């Protein structure tokens, strides 16, 4: 064994087992939410004829509320690209 001390206390073992169950339940909820997002974006894409890639980016920006930061980053990359590539 790699130095892990196996709990001998039944209470500690139960605490670990219960925590693992709760974490597993959380992972299940996360997977379900990811499936929902994928299906919602797919459906919207088909309905409004906008690529999923664009809608996914828009959803992330909407969630993070970081459009000004994103635009600034793109402008920085654009300026650098134009400066380097036109030299």
PDB file of N, CA and C in Angstrom:
ATOM      1  N   UNK A   1       0.851  -1.182   0.000  1.00  0.00           N
ATOM      2  CA  UNK A   1       0.000   0.000   0.000  1.00  0.00           C
ATOM      3  C   UNK A   1       0.893   1.241   0.000  1.00  0.00           C
ATOM      4  N   UNK A   2       0.367   2.347  -0.458  1.00  0.00           N
ATOM      5  CA  UNK A   2       1.184   3.551  -0.643  1.00  0.00           C
ATOM      6  C   UNK A   2       1.111   4.529   0.520  1.00  0.00           C
ATOM      7  N   UNK A   3       0.994   4.033   1.723  1.00  0.00           N
ATOM      8  CA  UNK A   3       1.016   4.919   2.878  1.00  0.00           C
ATOM      9  C   UNK A   3      -0.342   5.454   3.287  1.00  0.00           C
ATOM     10  N   UNK A   4      -1.415   4.999   2.663  1.00  0.00           N
ATOM     11  CA  UNK A   4      -2.747   5.429   3.068  1.00  0.00           C
ATOM     12  C   UNK A   4      -3.144   4.651   4.309  1.00  0.00           C
ATOM     13  N   UNK A   5      -3.627   5.368   5.288  1.00  0.00           N
ATOM     14  CA  UNK A   5      -4.073   4.718   6.514  1.00  0.00           C
ATOM     15  C   UNK A   5      -5.552   4.362   6.347  1.00  0.00           C
ATOM     16  N   UNK A   6      -5.841   3.087   6.355  1.00  0.00           N
ATOM     17  CA  UNK A   6      -7.216   2.616   6.209  1.00  0.00           C
ATOM     18  C   UNK A   6      -7.949   2.856   7.521  1.00  0.00           C
ATOM     19  N   UNK A   7      -9.057   3.582   7.483  1.00  0.00           N
ATOM     20  CA  UNK A   7      -9.784   3.862   8.724  1.00  0.00           C
ATOM     21  C   UNK A   7     -10.271   2.575   9.381  1.00  0.00           C
ATOM     22  N   UNK A   8     -10.063   2.484  10.669  1.00  0.00           N
ATOM     23  CA  UNK A   8     -10.548   1.322  11.408  1.00  0.00           C
ATOM     24  C   UNK A   8     -11.893   1.619  12.055  1.00  0.00           C
ATOM     25  N   UNK A   9     -12.196   2.882  12.178  1.00  0.00           N
ATOM     26  CA  UNK A   9     -13.444   3.281  12.820  1.00  0.00           C
ATOM     27  C   UNK A   9     -14.623   3.048  11.877  1.00  0.00           C
ATOM     28  N   UNK A  10     -15.635   2.329  12.330  1.00  0.00           N
ATOM     29  CA  UNK A  10     -16.836   2.136  11.501  1.00  0.00           C
ATOM     30  C   UNK A  10     -17.493   3.467  11.122  1.00  0.00           C
ATOM     31  N   UNK A  11     -17.419   4.444  12.009  1.00  0.00           N
ATOM     32  CA  UNK A  11     -18.004   5.759  11.723  1.00  0.00           C
ATOM     33  C   UNK A  11     -17.267   6.439  10.562  1.00  0.00           C
ATOM     34  N   UNK A  12     -15.929   6.378  10.575  1.00  0.00           N
ATOM     35  CA  UNK A  12     -15.149   6.988   9.492  1.00  0.00           C
ATOM     36  C   UNK A  12     -15.390   6.268   8.167  1.00  0.00           C
ATOM     37  N   UNK A  13     -15.455   4.931   8.197  1.00  0.00           N
ATOM     38  CA  UNK A  13     -15.727   4.183   6.968  1.00  0.00           C
ATOM     39  C   UNK A  13     -17.103   4.532   6.423  1.00  0.00           C
ATOM     40  N   UNK A  14     -18.085   4.665   7.327  1.00  0.00           N
ATOM     41  CA  UNK A  14     -19.437   5.038   6.892  1.00  0.00           C
ATOM     42  C   UNK A  14     -19.430   6.455   6.328  1.00  0.00           C
ATOM     43  N   UNK A  15     -18.711   7.363   6.967  1.00  0.00           N
ATOM     44  CA  UNK A  15     -18.612   8.744   6.487  1.00  0.00           C
ATOM     45  C   UNK A  15     -18.029   8.774   5.069  1.00  0.00           C
ATOM     46  N   UNK A  16     -16.992   7.983   4.835  1.00  0.00           N
ATOM     47  CA  UNK A  16     -16.369   7.918   3.508  1.00  0.00           C
ATOM     48  C   UNK A  16     -17.348   7.339   2.484  1.00  0.00           C
ATOM     49  N   UNK A  17     -17.986   6.239   2.841  1.00  0.00           N
ATOM     50  CA  UNK A  17     -18.936   5.597   1.935  1.00  0.00           C
ATOM     51  C   UNK A  17     -20.092   6.541   1.596  1.00  0.00           C
ATOM     52  N   UNK A  18     -20.640   7.212   2.610  1.00  0.00           N
ATOM     53  CA  UNK A  18     -21.745   8.144   2.379  1.00  0.00           C
ATOM     54  C   UNK A  18     -21.313   9.302   1.469  1.00  0.00           C
ATOM     55  N   UNK A  19     -20.117   9.799   1.701  1.00  0.00           N
ATOM     56  CA  UNK A  19     -19.599  10.893   0.870  1.00  0.00           C
ATOM     57  C   UNK A  19     -19.441  10.433  -0.576  1.00  0.00           C
ATOM     58  N   UNK A  20     -18.898   9.230  -0.772  1.00  0.00           N
ATOM     59  CA  UNK A  20     -18.733   8.710  -2.127  1.00  0.00           C
ATOM     60  C   UNK A  20     -20.080   8.576  -2.835  1.00  0.00           C
ATOM     61  N   UNK A  21     -21.112   8.178  -2.096  1.00  0.00           N
ATOM     62  CA  UNK A  21     -22.452   8.068  -2.687  1.00  0.00           C
ATOM     63  C   UNK A  21     -22.969   9.441  -3.102  1.00  0.00           C
ATOM     64  N   UNK A  22     -22.784  10.440  -2.234  1.00  0.00           N
ATOM     65  CA  UNK A  22     -23.242  11.799  -2.561  1.00  0.00           C
ATOM     66  C   UNK A  22     -22.483  12.368  -3.761  1.00  0.00           C
ATOM     67  N   UNK A  23     -21.180  12.117  -3.820  1.00  0.00           N
ATOM     68  CA  UNK A  23     -20.382  12.586  -4.952  1.00  0.00           C
ATOM     69  C   UNK A  23     -20.831  11.891  -6.236  1.00  0.00           C
ATOM     70  N   UNK A  24     -21.083  10.598  -6.157  1.00  0.00           N
ATOM     71  CA  UNK A  24     -21.575   9.864  -7.318  1.00  0.00           C
ATOM     72  C   UNK A  24     -22.918  10.427  -7.781  1.00  0.00           C
ATOM     73  N   UNK A  25     -23.794  10.724  -6.835  1.00  0.00           N
ATOM     74  CA  UNK A  25     -25.081  11.329  -7.178  1.00  0.00           C
ATOM     75  C   UNK A  25     -24.886  12.678  -7.869  1.00  0.00           C
ATOM     76  N   UNK A  26     -23.937  13.466  -7.389  1.00  0.00           N
ATOM     77  CA  UNK A  26     -23.651  14.766  -8.002  1.00  0.00           C
ATOM     78  C   UNK A  26     -23.135  14.580  -9.428  1.00  0.00           C
ATOM     79  N   UNK A  27     -22.230  13.602  -9.627  1.00  0.00           N
ATOM     80  CA  UNK A  27     -21.736  13.323 -10.978  1.00  0.00           C
ATOM     81  C   UNK A  27     -22.879  12.952 -11.913  1.00  0.00           C
ATOM     82  N   UNK A  28     -23.840  12.179 -11.407  1.00  0.00           N
ATOM     83  CA  UNK A  28     -25.002  11.787 -12.215  1.00  0.00           C
ATOM     84  C   UNK A  28     -25.812  13.017 -12.615  1.00  0.00           C
ATOM     85  N   UNK A  29     -25.994  13.946 -11.671  1.00  0.00           N
ATOM     86  CA  UNK A  29     -26.740  15.175 -11.988  1.00  0.00           C
ATOM     87  C   UNK A  29     -25.983  16.017 -13.014  1.00  0.00           C
ATOM     88  N   UNK A  30     -24.659  16.095 -12.886  1.00  0.00           N
ATOM     89  CA  UNK A  30     -23.847  16.861 -13.835  1.00  0.00           C
ATOM     90  C   UNK A  30     -23.987  16.272 -15.235  1.00  0.00           C
ATOM     91  N   UNK A  31     -23.907  14.955 -15.336  1.00  0.00           N
ATOM     92  CA  UNK A  31     -24.045  14.297 -16.640  1.00  0.00           C
ATOM     93  C   UNK A  31     -25.417  14.582 -17.241  1.00  0.00           C
ATOM     94  N   UNK A  32     -26.449  14.550 -16.429  1.00  0.00           N
ATOM     95  CA  UNK A  32     -27.805  14.830 -16.915  1.00  0.00           C
ATOM     96  C   UNK A  32     -27.921  16.273 -17.400  1.00  0.00           C
ATOM     97  N   UNK A  33     -27.323  17.199 -16.683  1.00  0.00           N
ATOM     98  CA  UNK A  33     -27.358  18.602 -17.101  1.00  0.00           C
ATOM     99  C   UNK A  33     -26.595  18.805 -18.403  1.00  0.00           C
ATOM    100  N   UNK A  34     -25.467  18.123 -18.556  1.00  0.00           N
ATOM    101  CA  UNK A  34     -24.714  18.223 -19.813  1.00  0.00           C
ATOM    102  C   UNK A  34     -25.540  17.697 -20.974  1.00  0.00           C
ATOM    103  N   UNK A  35     -26.248  16.596 -20.749  1.00  0.00           N
ATOM    104  CA  UNK A  35     -27.128  16.052 -21.788  1.00  0.00           C
ATOM    105  C   UNK A  35     -28.224  17.058 -22.131  1.00  0.00           C
ATOM    106  N   UNK A  36     -28.793  17.707 -21.110  1.00  0.00           N
ATOM    107  CA  UNK A  36     -29.838  18.705 -21.354  1.00  0.00           C
ATOM    108  C   UNK A  36     -29.303  19.844 -22.216  1.00  0.00           C
ATOM    109  N   UNK A  37     -28.141  20.359 -21.863  1.00  0.00           N
ATOM    110  CA  UNK A  37     -27.551  21.472 -22.607  1.00  0.00           C
ATOM    111  C   UNK A  37     -27.321  21.063 -24.058  1.00  0.00           C
ATOM    112  N   UNK A  38     -26.762  19.893 -24.258  1.00  0.00           N
ATOM    113  CA  UNK A  38     -26.488  19.414 -25.616  1.00  0.00           C
ATOM    114  C   UNK A  38     -27.775  19.317 -26.426  1.00  0.00           C
ATOM    115  N   UNK A  39     -28.811  18.737 -25.832  1.00  0.00           N
ATOM    116  CA  UNK A  39     -30.083  18.570 -26.531  1.00  0.00           C
ATOM    117  C   UNK A  39     -30.758  19.921 -26.786  1.00  0.00           C
ATOM    118  N   UNK A  40     -30.695  20.843 -25.825  1.00  0.00           N
ATOM    119  CA  UNK A  40     -31.313  22.156 -25.983  1.00  0.00           C
ATOM    120  C   UNK A  40     -30.644  22.934 -27.110  1.00  0.00           C
ATOM    121  N   UNK A  41     -29.313  22.906 -27.143  1.00  0.00           N
ATOM    122  CA  UNK A  41     -28.574  23.610 -28.194  1.00  0.00           C
ATOM    123  C   UNK A  41     -28.853  22.970 -29.552  1.00  0.00           C
ATOM    124  N   UNK A  42     -28.876  21.643 -29.606  1.00  0.00           N
ATOM    125  CA  UNK A  42     -29.161  20.935 -30.862  1.00  0.00           C
ATOM    126  C   UNK A  42     -30.535  21.337 -31.392  1.00  0.00           C
ATOM    127  N   UNK A  43     -31.522  21.312 -30.537  1.00  0.00           N
ATOM    128  CA  UNK A  43     -32.890  21.649 -30.939  1.00  0.00           C
ATOM    129  C   UNK A  43     -32.980  23.098 -31.415  1.00  0.00           C
ATOM    130  N   UNK A  44     -32.385  24.012 -30.656  1.00  0.00           N
ATOM    131  CA  UNK A  44     -32.415  25.421 -31.032  1.00  0.00           C
ATOM    132  C   UNK A  44     -31.710  25.638 -32.361  1.00  0.00           C
ATOM    133  N   UNK A  45     -30.582  24.986 -32.542  1.00  0.00           N
ATOM    134  CA  UNK A  45     -29.825  25.098 -33.782  1.00  0.00           C
ATOM    135  C   UNK A  45     -30.675  24.716 -34.983  1.00  0.00           C
ATOM    136  N   UNK A  46     -31.402  23.627 -34.840  1.00  0.00           N
ATOM    137  CA  UNK A  46     -32.270  23.175 -35.930  1.00  0.00           C
ATOM    138  C   UNK A  46     -33.421  24.147 -36.162  1.00  0.00           C
ATOM    139  N   UNK A  47     -33.966  24.712 -35.100  1.00  0.00           N
ATOM    140  CA  UNK A  47     -35.121  25.600 -35.214  1.00  0.00           C
ATOM    141  C   UNK A  47     -34.769  26.952 -35.817  1.00  0.00           C
ATOM    142  N   UNK A  48     -33.608  27.502 -35.458  1.00  0.00           N
ATOM    143  CA  UNK A  48     -33.260  28.860 -35.903  1.00  0.00           C
ATOM    144  C   UNK A  48     -32.157  28.887 -36.949  1.00  0.00           C
ATOM    145  N   UNK A  49     -31.680  27.711 -37.323  1.00  0.00           N
ATOM    146  CA  UNK A  49     -30.662  27.575 -38.373  1.00  0.00           C
ATOM    147  C   UNK A  49     -29.387  28.375 -38.057  1.00  0.00           C
ATOM    148  N   UNK A  50     -28.945  28.241 -36.819  1.00  0.00           N
ATOM    149  CA  UNK A  50     -27.662  28.828 -36.393  1.00  0.00           C
ATOM    150  C   UNK A  50     -26.806  27.656 -35.933  1.00  0.00           C
ATOM    151  N   UNK A  51     -25.534  27.630 -36.354  1.00  0.00           N
ATOM    152  CA  UNK A  51     -24.669  26.498 -35.979  1.00  0.00           C
ATOM    153  C   UNK A  51     -24.567  26.309 -34.465  1.00  0.00           C
ATOM    154  N   UNK A  52     -24.524  25.045 -34.062  1.00  0.00           N
ATOM    155  CA  UNK A  52     -24.406  24.703 -32.633  1.00  0.00           C
ATOM    156  C   UNK A  52     -23.178  25.370 -32.019  1.00  0.00           C
ATOM    157  N   UNK A  53     -22.085  25.410 -32.772  1.00  0.00           N
ATOM    158  CA  UNK A  53     -20.841  26.008 -32.272  1.00  0.00           C
ATOM    159  C   UNK A  53     -21.076  27.452 -31.825  1.00  0.00           C
ATOM    160  N   UNK A  54     -21.816  28.200 -32.625  1.00  0.00           N
ATOM    161  CA  UNK A  54     -22.096  29.601 -32.302  1.00  0.00           C
ATOM    162  C   UNK A  54     -23.004  29.697 -31.084  1.00  0.00           C
ATOM    163  N   UNK A  55     -24.041  28.873 -31.046  1.00  0.00           N
ATOM    164  CA  UNK A  55     -24.968  28.906 -29.916  1.00  0.00           C
ATOM    165  C   UNK A  55     -24.285  28.482 -28.617  1.00  0.00           C
ATOM    166  N   UNK A  56     -23.389  27.498 -28.688  1.00  0.00           N
ATOM    167  CA  UNK A  56     -22.644  27.089 -27.493  1.00  0.00           C
ATOM    168  C   UNK A  56     -21.775  28.224 -26.973  1.00  0.00           C
ATOM    169  N   UNK A  57     -21.098  28.928 -27.883  1.00  0.00           N
ATOM    170  CA  UNK A  57     -20.263  30.060 -27.461  1.00  0.00           C
ATOM    171  C   UNK A  57     -21.125  31.151 -26.843  1.00  0.00           C
ATOM    172  N   UNK A  58     -22.265  31.404 -27.484  1.00  0.00           N
ATOM    173  CA  UNK A  58     -23.162  32.437 -26.966  1.00  0.00           C
ATOM    174  C   UNK A  58     -23.669  32.062 -25.578  1.00  0.00           C
ATOM    175  N   UNK A  59     -24.001  30.802 -25.379  1.00  0.00           N
ATOM    176  CA  UNK A  59     -24.484  30.346 -24.072  1.00  0.00           C
ATOM    177  C   UNK A  59     -23.414  30.533 -23.000  1.00  0.00           C
ATOM    178  N   UNK A  60     -22.154  30.222 -23.341  1.00  0.00           N
ATOM    179  CA  UNK A  60     -21.074  30.387 -22.365  1.00  0.00           C
ATOM    180  C   UNK A  60     -20.873  31.858 -22.010  1.00  0.00           C
ATOM    181  N   UNK A  61     -20.907  32.723 -23.045  1.00  0.00           N
ATOM    182  CA  UNK A  61     -20.749  34.159 -22.807  1.00  0.00           C
ATOM    183  C   UNK A  61     -21.912  34.677 -21.968  1.00  0.00           C
ATOM    184  N   UNK A  62     -23.118  34.236 -22.286  1.00  0.00           N
ATOM    185  CA  UNK A  62     -24.288  34.662 -21.517  1.00  0.00           C
ATOM    186  C   UNK A  62     -24.151  34.233 -20.061  1.00  0.00           C
ATOM    187  N   UNK A  63     -23.727  32.998 -19.851  1.00  0.00           N
ATOM    188  CA  UNK A  63     -23.580  32.492 -18.485  1.00  0.00           C
ATOM    189  C   UNK A  63     -22.507  33.256 -17.711  1.00  0.00           C
ATOM    190  N   UNK A  64     -21.373  33.473 -18.347  1.00  0.00           N
ATOM    191  CA  UNK A  64     -20.258  34.144 -17.666  1.00  0.00           C
ATOM    192  C   UNK A  64     -20.399  35.660 -17.655  1.00  0.00           C
ATOM    193  N   UNK A  65     -21.295  36.186 -18.507  1.00  0.00           N
ATOM    194  CA  UNK A  65     -21.474  37.637 -18.623  1.00  0.00           C
ATOM    195  C   UNK A  65     -20.142  38.327 -18.881  1.00  0.00           C
ATOM    196  N   UNK A  66     -19.393  37.797 -19.861  1.00  0.00           N
ATOM    197  CA  UNK A  66     -18.047  38.329 -20.108  1.00  0.00           C
ATOM    198  C   UNK A  66     -17.823  38.778 -21.549  1.00  0.00           C
ATOM    199  N   UNK A  67     -18.868  39.278 -22.203  1.00  0.00           N
ATOM    200  CA  UNK A  67     -18.723  39.700 -23.600  1.00  0.00           C
ATOM    201  C   UNK A  67     -17.661  40.790 -23.776  1.00  0.00           C
ATOM    202  N   UNK A  68     -17.644  41.839 -22.954  1.00  0.00           N
ATOM    203  CA  UNK A  68     -16.607  42.863 -23.161  1.00  0.00           C
ATOM    204  C   UNK A  68     -15.180  42.292 -23.066  1.00  0.00           C
ATOM    205  N   UNK A  69     -14.964  41.388 -22.134  1.00  0.00           N
ATOM    206  CA  UNK A  69     -13.642  40.763 -21.992  1.00  0.00           C
ATOM    207  C   UNK A  69     -13.309  39.930 -23.234  1.00  0.00           C
ATOM    208  N   UNK A  70     -14.265  39.178 -23.716  1.00  0.00           N
ATOM    209  CA  UNK A  70     -14.062  38.345 -24.898  1.00  0.00           C
ATOM    210  C   UNK A  70     -13.756  39.200 -26.118  1.00  0.00           C
ATOM    211  N   UNK A  71     -14.503  40.267 -26.308  1.00  0.00           N
ATOM    212  CA  UNK A  71     -14.273  41.163 -27.444  1.00  0.00           C
ATOM    213  C   UNK A  71     -12.885  41.784 -27.348  1.00  0.00           C
ATOM    214  N   UNK A  72     -12.496  42.195 -26.148  1.00  0.00           N
ATOM    215  CA  UNK A  72     -11.156  42.764 -25.956  1.00  0.00           C
ATOM    216  C   UNK A  72     -10.066  41.772 -26.293  1.00  0.00           C
ATOM    217  N   UNK A  73     -10.245  40.516 -25.889  1.00  0.00           N
ATOM    218  CA  UNK A  73      -9.261  39.477 -26.199  1.00  0.00           C
ATOM    219  C   UNK A  73      -9.144  39.270 -27.703  1.00  0.00           C
ATOM    220  N   UNK A  74     -10.285  39.238 -28.384  1.00  0.00           N
ATOM    221  CA  UNK A  74     -10.274  39.034 -29.833  1.00  0.00           C
ATOM    222  C   UNK A  74      -9.593  40.218 -30.523  1.00  0.00           C
ATOM    223  N   UNK A  75      -9.878  41.420 -30.055  1.00  0.00           N
ATOM    224  CA  UNK A  75      -9.237  42.608 -30.636  1.00  0.00           C
ATOM    225  C   UNK A  75      -7.721  42.562 -30.438  1.00  0.00           C
ATOM    226  N   UNK A  76      -7.266  42.112 -29.268  1.00  0.00           N
ATOM    227  CA  UNK A  76      -5.835  41.991 -29.015  1.00  0.00           C
ATOM    228  C   UNK A  76      -5.193  40.983 -29.967  1.00  0.00           C
ATOM    229  N   UNK A  77      -5.839  39.842 -30.136  1.00  0.00           N
ATOM    230  CA  UNK A  77      -5.310  38.814 -31.036  1.00  0.00           C
ATOM    231  C   UNK A  77      -5.304  39.339 -32.465  1.00  0.00           C
ATOM    232  N   UNK A  78      -6.367  40.024 -32.864  1.00  0.00           N
ATOM    233  CA  UNK A  78      -6.443  40.578 -34.212  1.00  0.00           C
ATOM    234  C   UNK A  78      -5.309  41.562 -34.465  1.00  0.00           C
ATOM    235  N   UNK A  79      -5.071  42.468 -33.509  1.00  0.00           N
ATOM    236  CA  UNK A  79      -4.005  43.458 -33.664  1.00  0.00           C
ATOM    237  C   UNK A  79      -2.651  42.769 -33.743  1.00  0.00           C
ATOM    238  N   UNK A  80      -2.411  41.803 -32.894  1.00  0.00           N
ATOM    239  CA  UNK A  80      -1.132  41.086 -32.913  1.00  0.00           C
ATOM    240  C   UNK A  80      -0.968  40.339 -34.233  1.00  0.00           C
ATOM    241  N   UNK A  81      -2.009  39.649 -34.654  1.00  0.00           N
ATOM    242  CA  UNK A  81      -1.959  38.882 -35.901  1.00  0.00           C
ATOM    243  C   UNK A  81      -1.642  39.787 -37.087  1.00  0.00           C
ATOM    244  N   UNK A  82      -2.365  40.902 -37.198  1.00  0.00           N
ATOM    245  CA  UNK A  82      -2.140  41.830 -38.305  1.00  0.00           C
ATOM    246  C   UNK A  82      -0.736  42.412 -38.272  1.00  0.00           C
ATOM    247  N   UNK A  83      -0.241  42.704 -37.090  1.00  0.00           N
ATOM    248  CA  UNK A  83       1.096  43.263 -36.952  1.00  0.00           C
ATOM    249  C   UNK A  83       2.167  42.262 -37.365  1.00  0.00           C
ATOM    250  N   UNK A  84       2.009  41.036 -36.931  1.00  0.00           N
ATOM    251  CA  UNK A  84       3.032  40.008 -37.213  1.00  0.00           C
ATOM    252  C   UNK A  84       2.949  39.520 -38.655  1.00  0.00           C
ATOM    253  N   UNK A  85       1.759  39.280 -39.148  1.00  0.00           N
ATOM    254  CA  UNK A  85       1.601  38.653 -40.454  1.00  0.00           C
ATOM    255  C   UNK A  85       1.778  39.605 -41.621  1.00  0.00           C
ATOM    256  N   UNK A  86       1.670  40.901 -41.373  1.00  0.00           N
ATOM    257  CA  UNK A  86       1.830  41.853 -42.483  1.00  0.00           C
ATOM    258  C   UNK A  86       3.246  42.415 -42.529  1.00  0.00           C
ATOM    259  N   UNK A  87       4.099  41.916 -41.675  1.00  0.00           N
ATOM    260  CA  UNK A  87       5.486  42.409 -41.638  1.00  0.00           C
ATOM    261  C   UNK A  87       6.341  41.697 -42.650  1.00  0.00           C
TER     262      UNK A  87
END
